[in-house]
């Protein structure tokens, strides 16, 4: 069994007991999904079946890469139909798409901006075709815009999103932004663009890594602004959610207070561990155990 490297507090001991109990059942909770990159995949139809085998009820699909004609993997002929068929066959809901390729394109560079708009547009249309309501729009790596609301990078990102939002609205898709930028500048983004189709994709592990107080930020935004949540391990050598230094009791309390009841999606972080079915299953069990703590404890009197 995987072990934590720190002493167990009362709350983490409780979590461990629930974790052990959850291992006796392979029945997934209804709001537990997995990002297909946890299998090492991007825009692969097999990810739907793998999610089923690992016990997940939902899966998040990466929209893939551009071919030499500028067409995304997800938009290749027959790919949408194949995903629909796999989702129906295996009973796994596609809960969101991720336009991960946008991380490669800086909105403040004309050539990159054009490609980012293309990736974003094709990904929105794929969401519509798959009847998926949420598109994760990431701003990591080359696309990072920092934490200065006066910077040209931030202004360029606002301009790009302003171009994509009408397309998203027309196709009934929520653009959920994610990146290493902290809550104050994301608030500026939300307030400046002021669009009902713009929300936040919140990743607990990523933002703990940035030093953000994720518990207070979840309370600050709540379900009104948070479209979906990635539960990602933080400082876990084995990459298993809950085995690092995340304050699980604090996270559970914040989620309970806000009433968030949408999908929780596991996403693997960086690490040397192998991303495969066994790894995905271990994290599903850990997520189930954690989500159990969000429910009121019901005791029967003797």
C-alpha atoms as a PDB file:
ATOM      1  CA  UNK A   1       0.000   0.000   0.000  1.00  0.00           C
ATOM      2  CA  UNK A   2       1.209   3.542  -0.717  1.00  0.00           C
ATOM      3  CA  UNK A   3       2.168   5.472   2.420  1.00  0.00           C
ATOM      4  CA  UNK A   4       2.468   9.155   3.284  1.00  0.00           C
ATOM      5  CA  UNK A   5       5.827  10.493   4.413  1.00  0.00           C
ATOM      6  CA  UNK A   6       4.369  12.696   7.151  1.00  0.00           C
ATOM      7  CA  UNK A   7       2.766  11.908  10.479  1.00  0.00           C
ATOM      8  CA  UNK A   8      -0.964  11.371  10.301  1.00  0.00           C
ATOM      9  CA  UNK A   9      -3.202  13.957  11.905  1.00  0.00           C
ATOM     10  CA  UNK A  10      -6.654  12.962  13.128  1.00  0.00           C
ATOM     11  CA  UNK A  11      -8.247  14.168   9.881  1.00  0.00           C
ATOM     12  CA  UNK A  12      -5.761  12.319   7.679  1.00  0.00           C
ATOM     13  CA  UNK A  13      -6.161   9.195   9.810  1.00  0.00           C
ATOM     14  CA  UNK A  14      -9.910   9.405   9.225  1.00  0.00           C
ATOM     15  CA  UNK A  15      -9.257   9.769   5.501  1.00  0.00           C
ATOM     16  CA  UNK A  16      -6.996   6.704   5.548  1.00  0.00           C
ATOM     17  CA  UNK A  17      -9.685   4.606   7.226  1.00  0.00           C
ATOM     18  CA  UNK A  18     -12.235   5.686   4.647  1.00  0.00           C
ATOM     19  CA  UNK A  19      -9.678   4.965   1.923  1.00  0.00           C
ATOM     20  CA  UNK A  20      -9.268   1.407   3.174  1.00  0.00           C
ATOM     21  CA  UNK A  21     -13.019   0.930   3.319  1.00  0.00           C
ATOM     22  CA  UNK A  22     -13.458   2.286  -0.186  1.00  0.00           C
ATOM     23  CA  UNK A  23     -11.056  -0.288  -1.595  1.00  0.00           C
ATOM     24  CA  UNK A  24     -13.673  -2.959  -0.916  1.00  0.00           C
ATOM     25  CA  UNK A  25     -15.967  -1.440  -3.525  1.00  0.00           C
ATOM     26  CA  UNK A  26     -15.345  -0.675  -7.197  1.00  0.00           C
ATOM     27  CA  UNK A  27     -18.538   1.363  -7.549  1.00  0.00           C
ATOM     28  CA  UNK A  28     -17.630   4.880  -8.740  1.00  0.00           C
ATOM     29  CA  UNK A  29     -19.235   7.974  -7.296  1.00  0.00           C
ATOM     30  CA  UNK A  30     -21.262   9.757  -9.993  1.00  0.00           C
ATOM     31  CA  UNK A  31     -19.132  12.897 -10.193  1.00  0.00           C
ATOM     32  CA  UNK A  32     -15.653  11.360 -10.501  1.00  0.00           C
ATOM     33  CA  UNK A  33     -13.833  11.786 -13.809  1.00  0.00           C
ATOM     34  CA  UNK A  34     -10.295  11.486 -15.149  1.00  0.00           C
ATOM     35  CA  UNK A  35      -8.231  13.534 -17.576  1.00  0.00           C
ATOM     36  CA  UNK A  36      -7.044  11.158 -20.290  1.00  0.00           C
ATOM     37  CA  UNK A  37      -3.441  12.332 -19.922  1.00  0.00           C
ATOM     38  CA  UNK A  38      -3.362  10.135 -16.788  1.00  0.00           C
ATOM     39  CA  UNK A  39      -3.186   7.261 -19.291  1.00  0.00           C
ATOM     40  CA  UNK A  40      -0.553   9.079 -21.351  1.00  0.00           C
ATOM     41  CA  UNK A  41      -3.191   9.814 -24.016  1.00  0.00           C
ATOM     42  CA  UNK A  42      -4.343  12.839 -25.974  1.00  0.00           C
ATOM     43  CA  UNK A  43      -7.482  12.765 -28.125  1.00  0.00           C
ATOM     44  CA  UNK A  44      -7.516   8.952 -28.052  1.00  0.00           C
ATOM     45  CA  UNK A  45     -10.875   7.173 -28.219  1.00  0.00           C
ATOM     46  CA  UNK A  46      -9.472   4.299 -26.134  1.00  0.00           C
ATOM     47  CA  UNK A  47      -9.327   6.695 -23.167  1.00  0.00           C
ATOM     48  CA  UNK A  48     -13.093   6.313 -22.719  1.00  0.00           C
ATOM     49  CA  UNK A  49     -12.786   2.549 -22.251  1.00  0.00           C
ATOM     50  CA  UNK A  50      -9.750   2.950 -20.002  1.00  0.00           C
ATOM     51  CA  UNK A  51     -11.714   5.352 -17.808  1.00  0.00           C
ATOM     52  CA  UNK A  52     -14.419   2.714 -17.503  1.00  0.00           C
ATOM     53  CA  UNK A  53     -11.891   0.014 -16.604  1.00  0.00           C
ATOM     54  CA  UNK A  54     -10.418   2.266 -13.903  1.00  0.00           C
ATOM     55  CA  UNK A  55     -13.889   2.805 -12.416  1.00  0.00           C
ATOM     56  CA  UNK A  56     -14.531   6.416 -13.476  1.00  0.00           C
ATOM     57  CA  UNK A  57     -17.943   7.692 -14.512  1.00  0.00           C
ATOM     58  CA  UNK A  58     -16.513  10.541 -16.586  1.00  0.00           C
ATOM     59  CA  UNK A  59     -13.522  11.436 -18.720  1.00  0.00           C
ATOM     60  CA  UNK A  60     -11.924  14.669 -19.887  1.00  0.00           C
ATOM     61  CA  UNK A  61     -10.530  14.560 -23.412  1.00  0.00           C
ATOM     62  CA  UNK A  62      -7.580  16.556 -24.750  1.00  0.00           C
ATOM     63  CA  UNK A  63      -8.399  18.010 -28.167  1.00  0.00           C
ATOM     64  CA  UNK A  64      -4.981  17.002 -29.511  1.00  0.00           C
ATOM     65  CA  UNK A  65      -2.566  18.520 -31.993  1.00  0.00           C
ATOM     66  CA  UNK A  66      -2.734  20.280 -35.369  1.00  0.00           C
ATOM     67  CA  UNK A  67      -1.892  18.378 -38.525  1.00  0.00           C
ATOM     68  CA  UNK A  68      -0.102  19.942 -41.499  1.00  0.00           C
ATOM     69  CA  UNK A  69      -3.427  21.331 -42.698  1.00  0.00           C
ATOM     70  CA  UNK A  70      -4.167  22.989 -39.362  1.00  0.00           C
ATOM     71  CA  UNK A  71      -6.849  20.495 -38.290  1.00  0.00           C
ATOM     72  CA  UNK A  72      -7.001  19.342 -34.672  1.00  0.00           C
ATOM     73  CA  UNK A  73      -6.991  15.630 -33.851  1.00  0.00           C
ATOM     74  CA  UNK A  74     -10.448  15.909 -32.280  1.00  0.00           C
ATOM     75  CA  UNK A  75     -11.749  17.429 -35.530  1.00  0.00           C
ATOM     76  CA  UNK A  76     -10.399  14.693 -37.818  1.00  0.00           C
ATOM     77  CA  UNK A  77     -13.071  12.874 -39.865  1.00  0.00           C
ATOM     78  CA  UNK A  78     -14.859  10.233 -37.840  1.00  0.00           C
ATOM     79  CA  UNK A  79     -13.248  11.148 -34.499  1.00  0.00           C
ATOM     80  CA  UNK A  80     -16.317  12.827 -32.994  1.00  0.00           C
ATOM     81  CA  UNK A  81     -18.537   9.900 -33.982  1.00  0.00           C
ATOM     82  CA  UNK A  82     -16.033   7.445 -32.503  1.00  0.00           C
ATOM     83  CA  UNK A  83     -16.004   9.311 -29.190  1.00  0.00           C
ATOM     84  CA  UNK A  84     -19.794   9.405 -29.086  1.00  0.00           C
ATOM     85  CA  UNK A  85     -20.008   5.675 -29.727  1.00  0.00           C
ATOM     86  CA  UNK A  86     -17.374   4.874 -27.090  1.00  0.00           C
ATOM     87  CA  UNK A  87     -19.109   7.068 -24.517  1.00  0.00           C
ATOM     88  CA  UNK A  88     -22.435   5.311 -25.116  1.00  0.00           C
ATOM     89  CA  UNK A  89     -20.927   1.821 -25.265  1.00  0.00           C
ATOM     90  CA  UNK A  90     -18.977   2.134 -22.021  1.00  0.00           C
ATOM     91  CA  UNK A  91     -21.390   4.377 -20.133  1.00  0.00           C
ATOM     92  CA  UNK A  92     -18.712   7.001 -19.492  1.00  0.00           C
ATOM     93  CA  UNK A  93     -19.660  10.656 -19.856  1.00  0.00           C
ATOM     94  CA  UNK A  94     -17.284  13.037 -21.622  1.00  0.00           C
ATOM     95  CA  UNK A  95     -17.458  15.804 -19.022  1.00  0.00           C
ATOM     96  CA  UNK A  96     -15.194  18.391 -20.639  1.00  0.00           C
ATOM     97  CA  UNK A  97     -12.584  18.918 -23.325  1.00  0.00           C
ATOM     98  CA  UNK A  98      -9.169  20.494 -22.849  1.00  0.00           C
ATOM     99  CA  UNK A  99      -7.598  22.673 -25.535  1.00  0.00           C
ATOM    100  CA  UNK A 100      -4.159  21.763 -24.229  1.00  0.00           C
ATOM    101  CA  UNK A 101      -2.326  22.815 -27.368  1.00  0.00           C
ATOM    102  CA  UNK A 102      -3.079  26.456 -26.518  1.00  0.00           C
ATOM    103  CA  UNK A 103      -0.253  26.254 -23.984  1.00  0.00           C
ATOM    104  CA  UNK A 104       2.164  26.431 -26.922  1.00  0.00           C
ATOM    105  CA  UNK A 105       0.852  29.684 -28.353  1.00  0.00           C
ATOM    106  CA  UNK A 106       1.417  33.134 -26.893  1.00  0.00           C
ATOM    107  CA  UNK A 107      -1.536  35.445 -27.474  1.00  0.00           C
ATOM    108  CA  UNK A 108       0.805  38.454 -27.761  1.00  0.00           C
ATOM    109  CA  UNK A 109       2.606  37.059 -30.834  1.00  0.00           C
ATOM    110  CA  UNK A 110       0.613  37.420 -34.088  1.00  0.00           C
ATOM    111  CA  UNK A 111       1.437  33.998 -35.567  1.00  0.00           C
ATOM    112  CA  UNK A 112       0.891  32.236 -32.259  1.00  0.00           C
ATOM    113  CA  UNK A 113      -2.322  34.123 -31.627  1.00  0.00           C
ATOM    114  CA  UNK A 114      -3.758  32.972 -34.939  1.00  0.00           C
ATOM    115  CA  UNK A 115      -3.007  29.341 -34.093  1.00  0.00           C
ATOM    116  CA  UNK A 116      -4.410  29.727 -30.580  1.00  0.00           C
ATOM    117  CA  UNK A 117      -7.654  31.131 -32.029  1.00  0.00           C
ATOM    118  CA  UNK A 118      -7.825  28.180 -34.427  1.00  0.00           C
ATOM    119  CA  UNK A 119      -7.250  25.633 -31.636  1.00  0.00           C
ATOM    120  CA  UNK A 120      -9.794  27.371 -29.436  1.00  0.00           C
ATOM    121  CA  UNK A 121     -12.413  27.582 -32.179  1.00  0.00           C
ATOM    122  CA  UNK A 122     -12.022  23.965 -33.294  1.00  0.00           C
ATOM    123  CA  UNK A 123     -12.167  22.836 -29.668  1.00  0.00           C
ATOM    124  CA  UNK A 124     -15.370  24.813 -29.056  1.00  0.00           C
ATOM    125  CA  UNK A 125     -16.985  23.257 -32.125  1.00  0.00           C
ATOM    126  CA  UNK A 126     -15.900  19.813 -30.918  1.00  0.00           C
ATOM    127  CA  UNK A 127     -17.590  20.520 -27.580  1.00  0.00           C
ATOM    128  CA  UNK A 128     -20.790  21.409 -29.423  1.00  0.00           C
ATOM    129  CA  UNK A 129     -20.608  18.276 -31.592  1.00  0.00           C
ATOM    130  CA  UNK A 130     -20.084  16.075 -28.529  1.00  0.00           C
ATOM    131  CA  UNK A 131     -22.666  17.938 -26.416  1.00  0.00           C
ATOM    132  CA  UNK A 132     -19.927  18.735 -23.894  1.00  0.00           C
ATOM    133  CA  UNK A 133     -20.589  21.983 -21.980  1.00  0.00           C
ATOM    134  CA  UNK A 134     -17.084  22.914 -20.798  1.00  0.00           C
ATOM    135  CA  UNK A 135     -13.814  23.648 -22.581  1.00  0.00           C
ATOM    136  CA  UNK A 136     -10.718  23.985 -20.413  1.00  0.00           C
ATOM    137  CA  UNK A 137      -8.623  26.826 -21.866  1.00  0.00           C
ATOM    138  CA  UNK A 138      -5.117  26.574 -20.359  1.00  0.00           C
ATOM    139  CA  UNK A 139      -2.478  29.306 -20.108  1.00  0.00           C
ATOM    140  CA  UNK A 140       0.689  27.503 -19.046  1.00  0.00           C
ATOM    141  CA  UNK A 141       4.216  27.436 -20.475  1.00  0.00           C
ATOM    142  CA  UNK A 142       4.535  29.781 -23.492  1.00  0.00           C
ATOM    143  CA  UNK A 143       0.987  31.065 -22.944  1.00  0.00           C
ATOM    144  CA  UNK A 144       1.476  32.194 -19.309  1.00  0.00           C
ATOM    145  CA  UNK A 145       0.458  35.814 -18.773  1.00  0.00           C
ATOM    146  CA  UNK A 146       1.605  36.328 -15.173  1.00  0.00           C
ATOM    147  CA  UNK A 147      -0.051  38.321 -12.410  1.00  0.00           C
ATOM    148  CA  UNK A 148       0.266  41.919 -13.632  1.00  0.00           C
ATOM    149  CA  UNK A 149      -3.058  43.264 -14.927  1.00  0.00           C
ATOM    150  CA  UNK A 150      -1.222  46.140 -16.639  1.00  0.00           C
ATOM    151  CA  UNK A 151       1.056  43.884 -18.705  1.00  0.00           C
ATOM    152  CA  UNK A 152       0.764  43.659 -22.512  1.00  0.00           C
ATOM    153  CA  UNK A 153       0.593  39.867 -22.178  1.00  0.00           C
ATOM    154  CA  UNK A 154      -2.534  40.084 -20.069  1.00  0.00           C
ATOM    155  CA  UNK A 155      -4.126  42.579 -22.444  1.00  0.00           C
ATOM    156  CA  UNK A 156      -3.407  40.234 -25.363  1.00  0.00           C
ATOM    157  CA  UNK A 157      -5.034  37.325 -23.565  1.00  0.00           C
ATOM    158  CA  UNK A 158      -8.119  39.425 -22.825  1.00  0.00           C
ATOM    159  CA  UNK A 159      -8.334  40.352 -26.501  1.00  0.00           C
ATOM    160  CA  UNK A 160      -8.047  36.727 -27.607  1.00  0.00           C
ATOM    161  CA  UNK A 161     -10.694  35.548 -25.154  1.00  0.00           C
ATOM    162  CA  UNK A 162     -12.969  38.387 -26.263  1.00  0.00           C
ATOM    163  CA  UNK A 163     -12.747  36.952 -29.785  1.00  0.00           C
ATOM    164  CA  UNK A 164     -13.442  33.381 -28.664  1.00  0.00           C
ATOM    165  CA  UNK A 165     -16.295  34.113 -26.264  1.00  0.00           C
ATOM    166  CA  UNK A 166     -18.958  34.926 -28.901  1.00  0.00           C
ATOM    167  CA  UNK A 167     -18.132  31.613 -30.613  1.00  0.00           C
ATOM    168  CA  UNK A 168     -18.454  29.828 -27.277  1.00  0.00           C
ATOM    169  CA  UNK A 169     -21.753  31.547 -26.517  1.00  0.00           C
ATOM    170  CA  UNK A 170     -23.179  30.683 -29.930  1.00  0.00           C
ATOM    171  CA  UNK A 171     -22.288  27.032 -29.311  1.00  0.00           C
ATOM    172  CA  UNK A 172     -23.392  26.975 -25.651  1.00  0.00           C
ATOM    173  CA  UNK A 173     -19.909  26.224 -24.348  1.00  0.00           C
ATOM    174  CA  UNK A 174     -18.287  27.546 -21.174  1.00  0.00           C
ATOM    175  CA  UNK A 175     -14.655  28.643 -21.545  1.00  0.00           C
ATOM    176  CA  UNK A 176     -12.983  27.675 -18.272  1.00  0.00           C
ATOM    177  CA  UNK A 177      -9.564  29.308 -17.938  1.00  0.00           C
ATOM    178  CA  UNK A 178      -6.711  27.750 -16.009  1.00  0.00           C
ATOM    179  CA  UNK A 179      -3.098  28.698 -15.461  1.00  0.00           C
ATOM    180  CA  UNK A 180      -0.534  29.517 -12.786  1.00  0.00           C
ATOM    181  CA  UNK A 181      -1.876  33.073 -12.459  1.00  0.00           C
ATOM    182  CA  UNK A 182      -3.488  33.743  -9.087  1.00  0.00           C
ATOM    183  CA  UNK A 183      -7.000  34.707  -8.054  1.00  0.00           C
ATOM    184  CA  UNK A 184      -6.647  38.551  -8.081  1.00  0.00           C
ATOM    185  CA  UNK A 185      -5.704  38.758 -11.765  1.00  0.00           C
ATOM    186  CA  UNK A 186      -8.277  36.128 -12.741  1.00  0.00           C
ATOM    187  CA  UNK A 187     -10.851  38.287 -10.961  1.00  0.00           C
ATOM    188  CA  UNK A 188      -9.751  41.195 -13.158  1.00  0.00           C
ATOM    189  CA  UNK A 189     -10.187  38.976 -16.220  1.00  0.00           C
ATOM    190  CA  UNK A 190     -13.673  37.872 -15.174  1.00  0.00           C
ATOM    191  CA  UNK A 191     -14.751  41.414 -14.320  1.00  0.00           C
ATOM    192  CA  UNK A 192     -13.254  43.004 -17.440  1.00  0.00           C
ATOM    193  CA  UNK A 193     -14.758  40.558 -19.921  1.00  0.00           C
ATOM    194  CA  UNK A 194     -17.938  40.139 -17.845  1.00  0.00           C
ATOM    195  CA  UNK A 195     -19.298  37.255 -19.901  1.00  0.00           C
ATOM    196  CA  UNK A 196     -21.561  34.431 -18.678  1.00  0.00           C
ATOM    197  CA  UNK A 197     -19.598  31.906 -20.766  1.00  0.00           C
ATOM    198  CA  UNK A 198     -16.286  32.689 -19.043  1.00  0.00           C
ATOM    199  CA  UNK A 199     -15.464  30.823 -15.843  1.00  0.00           C
ATOM    200  CA  UNK A 200     -12.534  29.234 -14.000  1.00  0.00           C
ATOM    201  CA  UNK A 201     -11.136  25.724 -14.197  1.00  0.00           C
ATOM    202  CA  UNK A 202      -9.599  25.263 -10.767  1.00  0.00           C
ATOM    203  CA  UNK A 203      -6.723  22.858 -10.162  1.00  0.00           C
ATOM    204  CA  UNK A 204      -5.936  22.254  -6.497  1.00  0.00           C
ATOM    205  CA  UNK A 205      -2.451  20.821  -7.028  1.00  0.00           C
ATOM    206  CA  UNK A 206      -1.318  23.452  -9.505  1.00  0.00           C
ATOM    207  CA  UNK A 207      -2.402  26.341  -7.326  1.00  0.00           C
ATOM    208  CA  UNK A 208      -0.998  24.868  -4.118  1.00  0.00           C
ATOM    209  CA  UNK A 209       2.262  24.702  -6.052  1.00  0.00           C
ATOM    210  CA  UNK A 210       1.907  28.434  -6.756  1.00  0.00           C
ATOM    211  CA  UNK A 211       1.481  29.135  -3.042  1.00  0.00           C
ATOM    212  CA  UNK A 212      -2.167  30.093  -3.335  1.00  0.00           C
ATOM    213  CA  UNK A 213      -4.573  29.538  -0.444  1.00  0.00           C
ATOM    214  CA  UNK A 214      -6.791  27.246  -2.485  1.00  0.00           C
ATOM    215  CA  UNK A 215      -9.263  26.782   0.354  1.00  0.00           C
ATOM    216  CA  UNK A 216     -10.114  30.471   0.602  1.00  0.00           C
ATOM    217  CA  UNK A 217     -10.099  30.884  -3.186  1.00  0.00           C
ATOM    218  CA  UNK A 218     -12.627  28.064  -3.590  1.00  0.00           C
ATOM    219  CA  UNK A 219     -14.819  29.862  -1.057  1.00  0.00           C
ATOM    220  CA  UNK A 220     -14.266  33.157  -2.879  1.00  0.00           C
ATOM    221  CA  UNK A 221     -15.377  31.864  -6.282  1.00  0.00           C
ATOM    222  CA  UNK A 222     -17.666  28.968  -5.448  1.00  0.00           C
ATOM    223  CA  UNK A 223     -19.785  27.198  -8.075  1.00  0.00           C
ATOM    224  CA  UNK A 224     -20.793  30.534  -9.579  1.00  0.00           C
ATOM    225  CA  UNK A 225     -17.303  31.042 -11.030  1.00  0.00           C
ATOM    226  CA  UNK A 226     -15.740  27.554 -10.905  1.00  0.00           C
ATOM    227  CA  UNK A 227     -16.893  25.470 -13.861  1.00  0.00           C
ATOM    228  CA  UNK A 228     -15.049  22.289 -12.894  1.00  0.00           C
ATOM    229  CA  UNK A 229     -12.274  21.139 -10.575  1.00  0.00           C
ATOM    230  CA  UNK A 230      -9.098  19.152 -11.104  1.00  0.00           C
ATOM    231  CA  UNK A 231      -8.118  17.184  -8.018  1.00  0.00           C
ATOM    232  CA  UNK A 232      -4.362  16.892  -8.453  1.00  0.00           C
ATOM    233  CA  UNK A 233      -1.815  15.504  -5.989  1.00  0.00           C
ATOM    234  CA  UNK A 234       0.493  18.008  -4.323  1.00  0.00           C
ATOM    235  CA  UNK A 235       3.937  16.907  -3.155  1.00  0.00           C
ATOM    236  CA  UNK A 236       3.076  13.234  -3.516  1.00  0.00           C
ATOM    237  CA  UNK A 237       6.069  11.128  -4.657  1.00  0.00           C
ATOM    238  CA  UNK A 238       3.707   8.451  -5.974  1.00  0.00           C
ATOM    239  CA  UNK A 239       1.358  10.949  -7.613  1.00  0.00           C
ATOM    240  CA  UNK A 240      -1.688   9.790  -5.645  1.00  0.00           C
ATOM    241  CA  UNK A 241      -4.255  12.371  -4.565  1.00  0.00           C
ATOM    242  CA  UNK A 242      -4.364  12.842  -0.794  1.00  0.00           C
ATOM    243  CA  UNK A 243      -0.957  11.311  -0.095  1.00  0.00           C
ATOM    244  CA  UNK A 244       0.970  14.573  -0.321  1.00  0.00           C
ATOM    245  CA  UNK A 245       0.505  17.716   1.753  1.00  0.00           C
ATOM    246  CA  UNK A 246      -2.949  18.851   0.631  1.00  0.00           C
ATOM    247  CA  UNK A 247      -5.069  19.770   3.653  1.00  0.00           C
ATOM    248  CA  UNK A 248      -7.884  17.347   2.870  1.00  0.00           C
ATOM    249  CA  UNK A 249     -10.047  18.431   5.792  1.00  0.00           C
ATOM    250  CA  UNK A 250      -9.644  22.075   4.774  1.00  0.00           C
ATOM    251  CA  UNK A 251     -10.429  21.286   1.148  1.00  0.00           C
ATOM    252  CA  UNK A 252     -13.503  19.289   2.125  1.00  0.00           C
ATOM    253  CA  UNK A 253     -14.720  22.103   4.371  1.00  0.00           C
ATOM    254  CA  UNK A 254     -14.341  24.691   1.598  1.00  0.00           C
ATOM    255  CA  UNK A 255     -16.204  22.524  -0.896  1.00  0.00           C
ATOM    256  CA  UNK A 256     -18.990  21.783   1.577  1.00  0.00           C
ATOM    257  CA  UNK A 257     -19.438  25.469   2.368  1.00  0.00           C
ATOM    258  CA  UNK A 258     -19.707  26.467  -1.296  1.00  0.00           C
ATOM    259  CA  UNK A 259     -22.032  23.602  -2.193  1.00  0.00           C
ATOM    260  CA  UNK A 260     -19.945  22.593  -5.205  1.00  0.00           C
ATOM    261  CA  UNK A 261     -21.512  19.383  -6.543  1.00  0.00           C
ATOM    262  CA  UNK A 262     -20.173  19.139 -10.090  1.00  0.00           C
ATOM    263  CA  UNK A 263     -17.526  16.882 -11.591  1.00  0.00           C
ATOM    264  CA  UNK A 264     -14.211  16.329  -9.852  1.00  0.00           C
ATOM    265  CA  UNK A 265     -11.631  15.321 -12.446  1.00  0.00           C
ATOM    266  CA  UNK A 266      -8.358  13.657 -11.566  1.00  0.00           C
ATOM    267  CA  UNK A 267      -5.363  14.972 -13.488  1.00  0.00           C
ATOM    268  CA  UNK A 268      -1.881  13.539 -13.119  1.00  0.00           C
ATOM    269  CA  UNK A 269       0.876  15.940 -12.168  1.00  0.00           C
ATOM    270  CA  UNK A 270       4.488  15.888 -13.258  1.00  0.00           C
ATOM    271  CA  UNK A 271       6.498  12.975 -11.908  1.00  0.00           C
ATOM    272  CA  UNK A 272       8.415   9.835 -12.700  1.00  0.00           C
ATOM    273  CA  UNK A 273       5.545   7.468 -11.913  1.00  0.00           C
ATOM    274  CA  UNK A 274       3.996   5.478 -14.752  1.00  0.00           C
ATOM    275  CA  UNK A 275       0.687   6.755 -16.051  1.00  0.00           C
ATOM    276  CA  UNK A 276      -1.415   3.682 -16.629  1.00  0.00           C
ATOM    277  CA  UNK A 277      -4.573   1.838 -15.579  1.00  0.00           C
ATOM    278  CA  UNK A 278      -3.251   0.856 -12.140  1.00  0.00           C
ATOM    279  CA  UNK A 279      -2.197   4.437 -11.412  1.00  0.00           C
ATOM    280  CA  UNK A 280      -5.586   5.760 -12.538  1.00  0.00           C
ATOM    281  CA  UNK A 281      -7.433   3.212 -10.391  1.00  0.00           C
ATOM    282  CA  UNK A 282      -5.430   4.110  -7.269  1.00  0.00           C
ATOM    283  CA  UNK A 283      -6.369   7.735  -7.733  1.00  0.00           C
ATOM    284  CA  UNK A 284     -10.028   6.881  -8.306  1.00  0.00           C
ATOM    285  CA  UNK A 285     -10.111   5.072  -4.967  1.00  0.00           C
ATOM    286  CA  UNK A 286      -8.414   8.008  -3.262  1.00  0.00           C
ATOM    287  CA  UNK A 287     -10.855  10.492  -4.806  1.00  0.00           C
ATOM    288  CA  UNK A 288     -13.833   8.376  -3.787  1.00  0.00           C
ATOM    289  CA  UNK A 289     -12.551   8.264  -0.233  1.00  0.00           C
ATOM    290  CA  UNK A 290     -12.103  12.024  -0.176  1.00  0.00           C
ATOM    291  CA  UNK A 291     -15.515  12.727  -1.697  1.00  0.00           C
ATOM    292  CA  UNK A 292     -17.107  10.514   0.930  1.00  0.00           C
ATOM    293  CA  UNK A 293     -15.920  13.026   3.524  1.00  0.00           C
ATOM    294  CA  UNK A 294     -17.973  15.753   1.818  1.00  0.00           C
ATOM    295  CA  UNK A 295     -21.173  13.984   2.789  1.00  0.00           C
ATOM    296  CA  UNK A 296     -22.760  14.402   6.233  1.00  0.00           C
ATOM    297  CA  UNK A 297     -21.963  11.466   8.505  1.00  0.00           C
ATOM    298  CA  UNK A 298     -25.114   9.536   9.365  1.00  0.00           C
ATOM    299  CA  UNK A 299     -25.040   7.473  12.559  1.00  0.00           C
ATOM    300  CA  UNK A 300     -27.756   5.063  13.613  1.00  0.00           C
ATOM    301  CA  UNK A 301     -28.639   4.959  17.275  1.00  0.00           C
ATOM    302  CA  UNK A 302     -28.352   1.510  18.883  1.00  0.00           C
END
